[in-house]
Each structure stands twice: as C-alpha cells, then as structure tokens.
Amino acid sequence: MDSAYSRAREAVRSNAPLIQCLTNSVVMDVTANVLLAAGASPAMCDTPEEAGAFAQVAQGVLINAGTPSQESYAGMRAAIAGANSAGTPWVLDPVGAGALAYRTEFMLSILGEKPAAIRGNASEIIALSRAGAGGRGVDSTDGVDAALPAALALARRTGAVVAVSGERDLIVRVQGGSERAVYLHSGDPMLQLVIGTGCSLGALVAAYLAAWQDPFEAVLAAHAHMGAAGQVAASTCHAPGSFAVAWIDALYELDGQAIASSGRIEEIAQV
C-alpha cells in the first residue's frame, strides 16, 4: 500500500482534477483551500440550472447536505444525474444524517444513485444504514467500531467504498463476493477543533477518486493524506488557529512517501 499512497498522491498533484463541490455554506472556503493545497482544482458550482452540466465536465463531485435548502437539493440531484451520465465519481458526505428527518430522507433517496464513496462519522453511517438514530447534530455519539456492521451493509447495498472517520478511520469495500475492511491509524485530535476538516475530507476523497483508478486505495489514500497533515501540524502547533494554518501547509507539502510513513493500516481479519 505504501507505493499506492505515493502514486495516488502524485496522481492528484499531476492531474489537478476538477472537483465540483456542492457543500455546506459553513465550509466552502476551507474545502476550496484543502483541494488547492492537495493539488486539485475546486469549483463550487451548485445551482440547479448549472450543476448537472458542470458535473459532466468535472472529474469528481462532492455532495454534502450540511446546510440544505430546496434549491440546494435540486442542484445536488442535477449534479448526481450529470455525474452518472458522464461516469464521474461522486462522493456522499451525509452530514447530520439521523439528526433531522428531512435531510435524512434526502440522503436515503439518493443512495441508489451509485455513489463511488460514502464518508461520514460513525453516527451518520449508522443512521444512513437505518440501524440507528444519528448523533448530536453533526457530532457523532457512536464509536467507529460500532459502525462496522452499518458500513458493510451500506457498501453491500450501494457498491460504494464506505469510510467512517473517528479516533481511527474505518474504510470498507464489498466487491463481488469479497469484503475488505481496514482501520487507518492516523490524524490528531486537534483536527476536531478546526472547522471543515471532515467536510473537506469528502472533497479530498473525490479528488483522489478522480485521479486514482482503484476506489478503495483512493479513499484510503485521501484519509491518510488528511491524517498525516494533521499529525504534522500538531507537532508544532498546539492551538486551533495556528494548527489550521499549519494543516493546510502540510496538505500542500506532504509527498506520498511522507504520507505512507505517518499512518498505520490494520486489516480486520473477519468481517
């Protein structure tokens, strides 16, 4: 996997994939900065009139319903249709799933539209699989381990790679009769004190999916990149403001070898 990290990282940097972000209004700046630092090109094209056409020229699409409205839902549906018609991978970040009924029903309604990846916290993934009620707003009240059955169920249902972020990240894939699940030990608790780290991770996943041919490796590499940047930033900065700047710098500076050496993959033997 070390060589895959390096090659996936360099693929993002050399290809500079165009990533369409239909995301919440709180994190647009952070998400754009993360993509630029990683080497991708962000575009916040989210209106219903343009989102579908733009998704056909973008190389990856993020769907994040963190601050939804009727117009944003329409734009997301248009973008998903455009992405699917062009074979563009799209990522679902189910922000707040289970906490509020209307957004949860929207997310459930698009699960059949073939997301390439689903990325959320443990409570969101559990709620999306209809196995739980969700967390406290956008915060998880469940541990990552508790989300393993739900993640596998979602992967089987949708064909997507499913990632659960937390104290250690869980990434699962179901392909044919084969199932794979790993824990990625990476990152730093300081990431939880900076706005947009989770939401921008969804965009980074889309960038890696656009640049790298193996979806599982792409999702894993995106999480490793984010986690490694958090570790680098936390090594010198111990308060959220300075950490946020150092984290963006680290996303820009890290190469594939550094990313690979900063995290540890734990295979889950029986899933």
Protein backbone atom coordinates (compact mmCIF):
# COMPACT_ATOMS: atom_id res chain seq x y z
CA MET A 1 0.00 0.00 0.00
CA ASP A 2 2.97 2.35 0.55
CA SER A 3 3.66 2.59 -3.18
CA ALA A 4 -0.05 3.10 -3.87
CA TYR A 5 -0.04 6.06 -1.46
CA SER A 6 2.85 7.63 -3.32
CA ARG A 7 1.40 7.05 -6.76
CA ALA A 8 -2.08 8.21 -5.77
CA ARG A 9 -0.67 11.36 -4.16
CA GLU A 10 1.37 12.19 -7.23
CA ALA A 11 -1.59 11.44 -9.49
CA VAL A 12 -3.66 14.09 -7.72
CA ARG A 13 -0.84 16.60 -7.98
CA SER A 14 -0.02 15.93 -11.62
CA ASN A 15 -3.60 15.62 -12.89
CA ALA A 16 -5.06 18.53 -10.87
CA PRO A 17 -8.59 17.06 -11.07
CA LEU A 18 -11.51 19.48 -11.30
CA ILE A 19 -13.75 18.79 -8.30
CA GLN A 20 -17.29 20.14 -8.16
CA CYS A 21 -18.32 20.78 -4.57
CA LEU A 22 -21.97 21.03 -3.62
CA THR A 23 -21.28 21.58 0.02
CA ASN A 24 -22.49 23.48 3.03
CA SER A 25 -22.05 27.22 3.31
CA VAL A 26 -20.02 26.97 6.52
CA VAL A 27 -17.03 25.21 4.95
CA MET A 28 -16.76 26.42 1.35
CA ASP A 29 -13.55 28.40 1.91
CA VAL A 30 -11.88 25.60 3.85
CA THR A 31 -12.89 23.00 1.28
CA ALA A 32 -11.54 25.05 -1.60
CA ASN A 33 -8.27 25.67 0.23
CA VAL A 34 -7.85 21.97 1.03
CA LEU A 35 -8.33 20.98 -2.61
CA LEU A 36 -5.92 23.64 -3.83
CA ALA A 37 -3.31 22.62 -1.27
CA ALA A 38 -3.61 18.98 -2.31
CA GLY A 39 -3.18 19.89 -5.98
CA ALA A 40 -6.78 19.67 -7.16
CA SER A 41 -8.98 22.41 -8.63
CA PRO A 42 -12.19 23.32 -6.72
CA ALA A 43 -15.42 24.61 -8.25
CA MET A 44 -18.43 25.50 -6.11
CA CYS A 45 -20.99 25.19 -8.91
CA ASP A 46 -24.22 24.23 -7.15
CA THR A 47 -27.23 25.91 -8.76
CA PRO A 48 -29.91 23.62 -10.23
CA GLU A 49 -29.57 25.37 -13.60
CA GLU A 50 -25.84 24.65 -13.93
CA ALA A 51 -24.92 21.81 -11.58
CA GLY A 52 -25.86 18.98 -13.92
CA ALA A 53 -23.95 20.34 -16.90
CA PHE A 54 -20.90 21.13 -14.76
CA ALA A 55 -20.85 17.61 -13.32
CA GLN A 56 -20.39 16.28 -16.84
CA VAL A 57 -17.11 18.17 -17.23
CA ALA A 58 -15.87 17.83 -13.65
CA GLN A 59 -13.68 14.87 -12.74
CA GLY A 60 -15.19 14.37 -9.30
CA VAL A 61 -18.26 15.58 -7.42
CA LEU A 62 -18.92 16.09 -3.72
CA ILE A 63 -22.47 16.00 -2.35
CA ASN A 64 -22.64 17.44 1.18
CA ALA A 65 -26.04 18.45 2.53
CA GLY A 66 -24.80 20.19 5.65
CA THR A 67 -26.88 23.37 5.19
CA PRO A 68 -29.65 22.21 2.86
CA SER A 69 -32.41 24.10 1.08
CA GLN A 70 -34.88 23.18 -1.62
CA GLU A 71 -32.63 24.83 -4.19
CA SER A 72 -29.52 23.02 -2.98
CA TYR A 73 -31.33 19.68 -3.01
CA ALA A 74 -32.35 20.32 -6.63
CA GLY A 75 -28.78 21.23 -7.51
CA MET A 76 -27.48 18.06 -5.88
CA ARG A 77 -29.93 15.87 -7.77
CA ALA A 78 -28.93 17.58 -11.02
CA ALA A 79 -25.23 17.13 -10.27
CA ILE A 80 -25.68 13.45 -9.44
CA ALA A 81 -27.56 12.88 -12.70
CA GLY A 82 -24.87 14.72 -14.63
CA ALA A 83 -22.08 12.82 -12.92
CA ASN A 84 -23.70 9.47 -13.58
CA SER A 85 -24.32 10.28 -17.23
CA ALA A 86 -20.63 11.13 -17.66
CA GLY A 87 -19.25 8.33 -15.49
CA THR A 88 -17.89 10.85 -13.00
CA PRO A 89 -17.31 9.53 -9.45
CA TRP A 90 -19.35 11.28 -6.78
CA VAL A 91 -18.99 11.24 -3.02
CA LEU A 92 -21.78 11.45 -0.45
CA ASP A 93 -20.97 13.12 2.87
CA PRO A 94 -24.14 12.54 4.94
CA VAL A 95 -23.73 15.45 7.35
CA GLY A 96 -26.21 15.21 10.20
CA ALA A 97 -27.88 12.04 8.92
CA GLY A 98 -30.31 10.77 11.51
CA ALA A 99 -30.37 14.04 13.44
CA LEU A 100 -33.03 15.68 11.24
CA ALA A 101 -35.69 13.77 9.33
CA TYR A 102 -35.88 15.83 6.13
CA ARG A 103 -32.19 15.73 5.27
CA THR A 104 -32.04 12.08 6.24
CA GLU A 105 -34.81 11.21 3.80
CA PHE A 106 -32.99 13.13 1.06
CA MET A 107 -29.79 11.21 1.68
CA LEU A 108 -31.63 7.90 1.74
CA SER A 109 -33.32 8.81 -1.53
CA ILE A 110 -30.01 9.21 -3.39
CA LEU A 111 -28.29 6.08 -2.10
CA GLY A 112 -29.47 4.18 -5.16
CA GLU A 113 -27.75 6.67 -7.50
CA LYS A 114 -24.40 4.88 -7.31
CA PRO A 115 -22.08 6.98 -5.14
CA ALA A 116 -18.45 5.95 -5.55
CA ALA A 117 -17.82 6.62 -1.87
CA ILE A 118 -19.75 7.49 1.27
CA ARG A 119 -17.82 9.26 4.04
CA GLY A 120 -19.17 10.26 7.42
CA ASN A 121 -18.80 9.89 11.15
CA ALA A 122 -19.97 6.77 12.94
CA SER A 123 -23.43 8.03 13.89
CA GLU A 124 -24.10 9.30 10.36
CA ILE A 125 -23.13 5.98 8.78
CA ILE A 126 -25.22 4.03 11.29
CA ALA A 127 -28.23 6.28 10.65
CA LEU A 128 -27.81 6.02 6.89
CA SER A 129 -27.97 2.24 7.15
CA ARG A 130 -31.19 2.64 9.19
CA ALA A 131 -29.50 0.96 12.15
CA GLY A 132 -29.59 3.94 14.49
CA ALA A 133 -30.97 7.39 15.18
CA GLY A 134 -27.90 9.51 14.40
CA GLY A 135 -25.71 11.67 16.56
CA ARG A 136 -25.94 15.00 18.34
CA GLY A 137 -26.34 17.38 15.41
CA VAL A 138 -23.24 16.88 13.28
CA ASP A 139 -21.29 15.25 16.13
CA SER A 140 -21.03 11.51 16.48
CA THR A 141 -22.25 9.82 19.63
CA ASP A 142 -21.04 6.40 18.46
CA GLY A 143 -17.56 4.93 18.27
CA VAL A 144 -16.04 3.87 14.97
CA ASP A 145 -16.08 0.18 15.94
CA ALA A 146 -19.87 0.32 16.38
CA ALA A 147 -20.27 1.43 12.76
CA LEU A 148 -18.59 -1.59 11.15
CA PRO A 149 -21.82 -3.57 10.52
CA ALA A 150 -23.56 -0.45 9.16
CA ALA A 151 -20.61 0.41 6.91
CA LEU A 152 -20.57 -3.09 5.46
CA ALA A 153 -24.33 -3.01 4.94
CA LEU A 154 -24.07 0.31 3.09
CA ALA A 155 -21.21 -0.97 0.96
CA ARG A 156 -23.20 -4.06 0.00
CA ARG A 157 -26.29 -2.01 -0.76
CA THR A 158 -24.66 0.74 -2.81
CA GLY A 159 -21.40 -0.66 -4.16
CA ALA A 160 -19.62 2.36 -2.69
CA VAL A 161 -16.45 2.37 -0.65
CA VAL A 162 -17.64 3.43 2.80
CA ALA A 163 -15.40 5.38 5.18
CA VAL A 164 -16.05 6.17 8.83
CA SER A 165 -13.98 8.93 10.41
CA GLY A 166 -13.09 8.97 14.07
CA GLU A 167 -10.33 8.17 16.52
CA ARG A 168 -9.18 5.77 13.85
CA ASP A 169 -10.68 5.69 10.38
CA LEU A 170 -12.57 2.67 9.07
CA ILE A 171 -12.67 2.01 5.32
CA VAL A 172 -14.68 -0.88 3.86
CA ARG A 173 -15.37 -2.27 0.41
CA VAL A 174 -17.59 -5.06 -0.86
CA GLN A 175 -16.70 -6.20 -4.36
CA GLY A 176 -18.32 -9.28 -5.82
CA GLY A 177 -18.07 -11.89 -3.09
CA SER A 178 -15.07 -10.21 -1.48
CA GLU A 179 -15.21 -7.92 1.54
CA ARG A 180 -12.33 -5.86 2.90
CA ALA A 181 -12.22 -3.65 5.96
CA VAL A 182 -9.27 -1.79 7.43
CA TYR A 183 -8.59 0.65 10.21
CA LEU A 184 -6.29 3.55 9.42
CA HIS A 185 -4.42 4.84 12.46
CA SER A 186 -3.57 8.42 11.57
CA GLY A 187 -4.52 12.02 12.29
CA ASP A 188 -4.62 14.01 15.51
CA PRO A 189 -7.42 15.07 17.92
CA MET A 190 -6.73 18.71 17.05
CA LEU A 191 -8.49 18.13 13.71
CA GLN A 192 -11.76 18.07 15.65
CA LEU A 193 -11.20 21.65 16.82
CA VAL A 194 -10.92 23.18 13.36
CA ILE A 195 -13.97 23.84 11.22
CA GLY A 196 -14.38 21.91 7.97
CA THR A 197 -11.84 19.13 8.42
CA GLY A 198 -14.44 16.40 7.96
CA CYS A 199 -16.37 18.12 5.18
CA SER A 200 -13.20 18.95 3.26
CA LEU A 201 -12.12 15.33 3.62
CA GLY A 202 -15.13 14.41 1.48
CA ALA A 203 -13.84 16.73 -1.24
CA LEU A 204 -10.34 15.28 -0.92
CA VAL A 205 -11.83 11.79 -1.35
CA ALA A 206 -13.45 12.99 -4.57
CA ALA A 207 -10.09 14.31 -5.79
CA TYR A 208 -8.35 11.01 -5.11
CA LEU A 209 -11.15 9.05 -6.76
CA ALA A 210 -10.81 11.27 -9.83
CA ALA A 211 -7.05 10.73 -10.06
CA TRP A 212 -6.56 7.11 -9.00
CA GLN A 213 -8.06 4.01 -10.60
CA ASP A 214 -8.62 1.84 -7.51
CA PRO A 215 -11.52 3.29 -5.46
CA PHE A 216 -10.55 1.58 -2.21
CA GLU A 217 -6.94 2.73 -2.45
CA ALA A 218 -8.10 6.22 -3.42
CA VAL A 219 -10.36 6.58 -0.39
CA LEU A 220 -7.70 5.18 1.92
CA ALA A 221 -5.01 7.46 0.48
CA ALA A 222 -7.22 10.55 0.89
CA HIS A 223 -7.78 9.74 4.56
CA ALA A 224 -4.07 9.06 5.04
CA HIS A 225 -3.20 12.41 3.45
CA MET A 226 -5.60 14.27 5.73
CA GLY A 227 -4.40 12.40 8.81
CA ALA A 228 -0.73 12.90 8.02
CA ALA A 229 -1.26 16.64 7.58
CA GLY A 230 -2.97 16.73 10.97
CA GLN A 231 -0.04 14.96 12.59
CA VAL A 232 2.49 17.31 11.03
CA ALA A 233 0.52 20.38 12.08
CA ALA A 234 0.04 19.12 15.64
CA SER A 235 3.77 18.50 16.03
CA THR A 236 4.43 22.25 16.05
CA CYS A 237 1.09 23.94 16.79
CA HIS A 238 -0.94 23.38 19.93
CA ALA A 239 -3.89 25.76 19.50
CA PRO A 240 -6.62 25.64 16.81
CA GLY A 241 -5.78 28.87 14.97
CA SER A 242 -2.14 28.14 14.28
CA PHE A 243 -2.94 24.47 13.74
CA ALA A 244 -5.39 25.31 10.94
CA VAL A 245 -2.72 27.22 9.01
CA ALA A 246 -0.09 24.54 9.55
CA TRP A 247 -2.55 21.84 8.49
CA ILE A 248 -3.21 23.49 5.12
CA ASP A 249 0.55 23.96 4.64
CA ALA A 250 1.15 20.28 5.41
CA LEU A 251 -1.52 19.18 2.92
CA TYR A 252 0.46 21.10 0.30
CA GLU A 253 3.93 19.96 1.33
CA LEU A 254 3.46 16.25 2.04
CA ASP A 255 4.51 13.76 -0.62
CA GLY A 256 3.38 10.17 -0.91
CA GLN A 257 6.30 8.70 1.00
CA ALA A 258 5.72 11.00 3.96
CA ILE A 259 2.02 10.19 3.94
CA ALA A 260 2.72 6.45 3.91
CA SER A 261 5.16 6.65 6.80
CA SER A 262 2.82 8.63 9.06
CA GLY A 263 -0.05 6.16 9.35
CA ARG A 264 -0.63 2.50 10.07
CA ILE A 265 -3.14 0.19 8.39
CA GLU A 266 -4.78 -2.55 10.44
CA GLU A 267 -6.59 -5.23 8.45
CA ILE A 268 -9.78 -6.53 10.02
CA ALA A 269 -9.46 -10.27 9.62
CA GLN A 270 -13.12 -11.29 9.71
CA VAL A 271 -15.91 -9.02 8.52
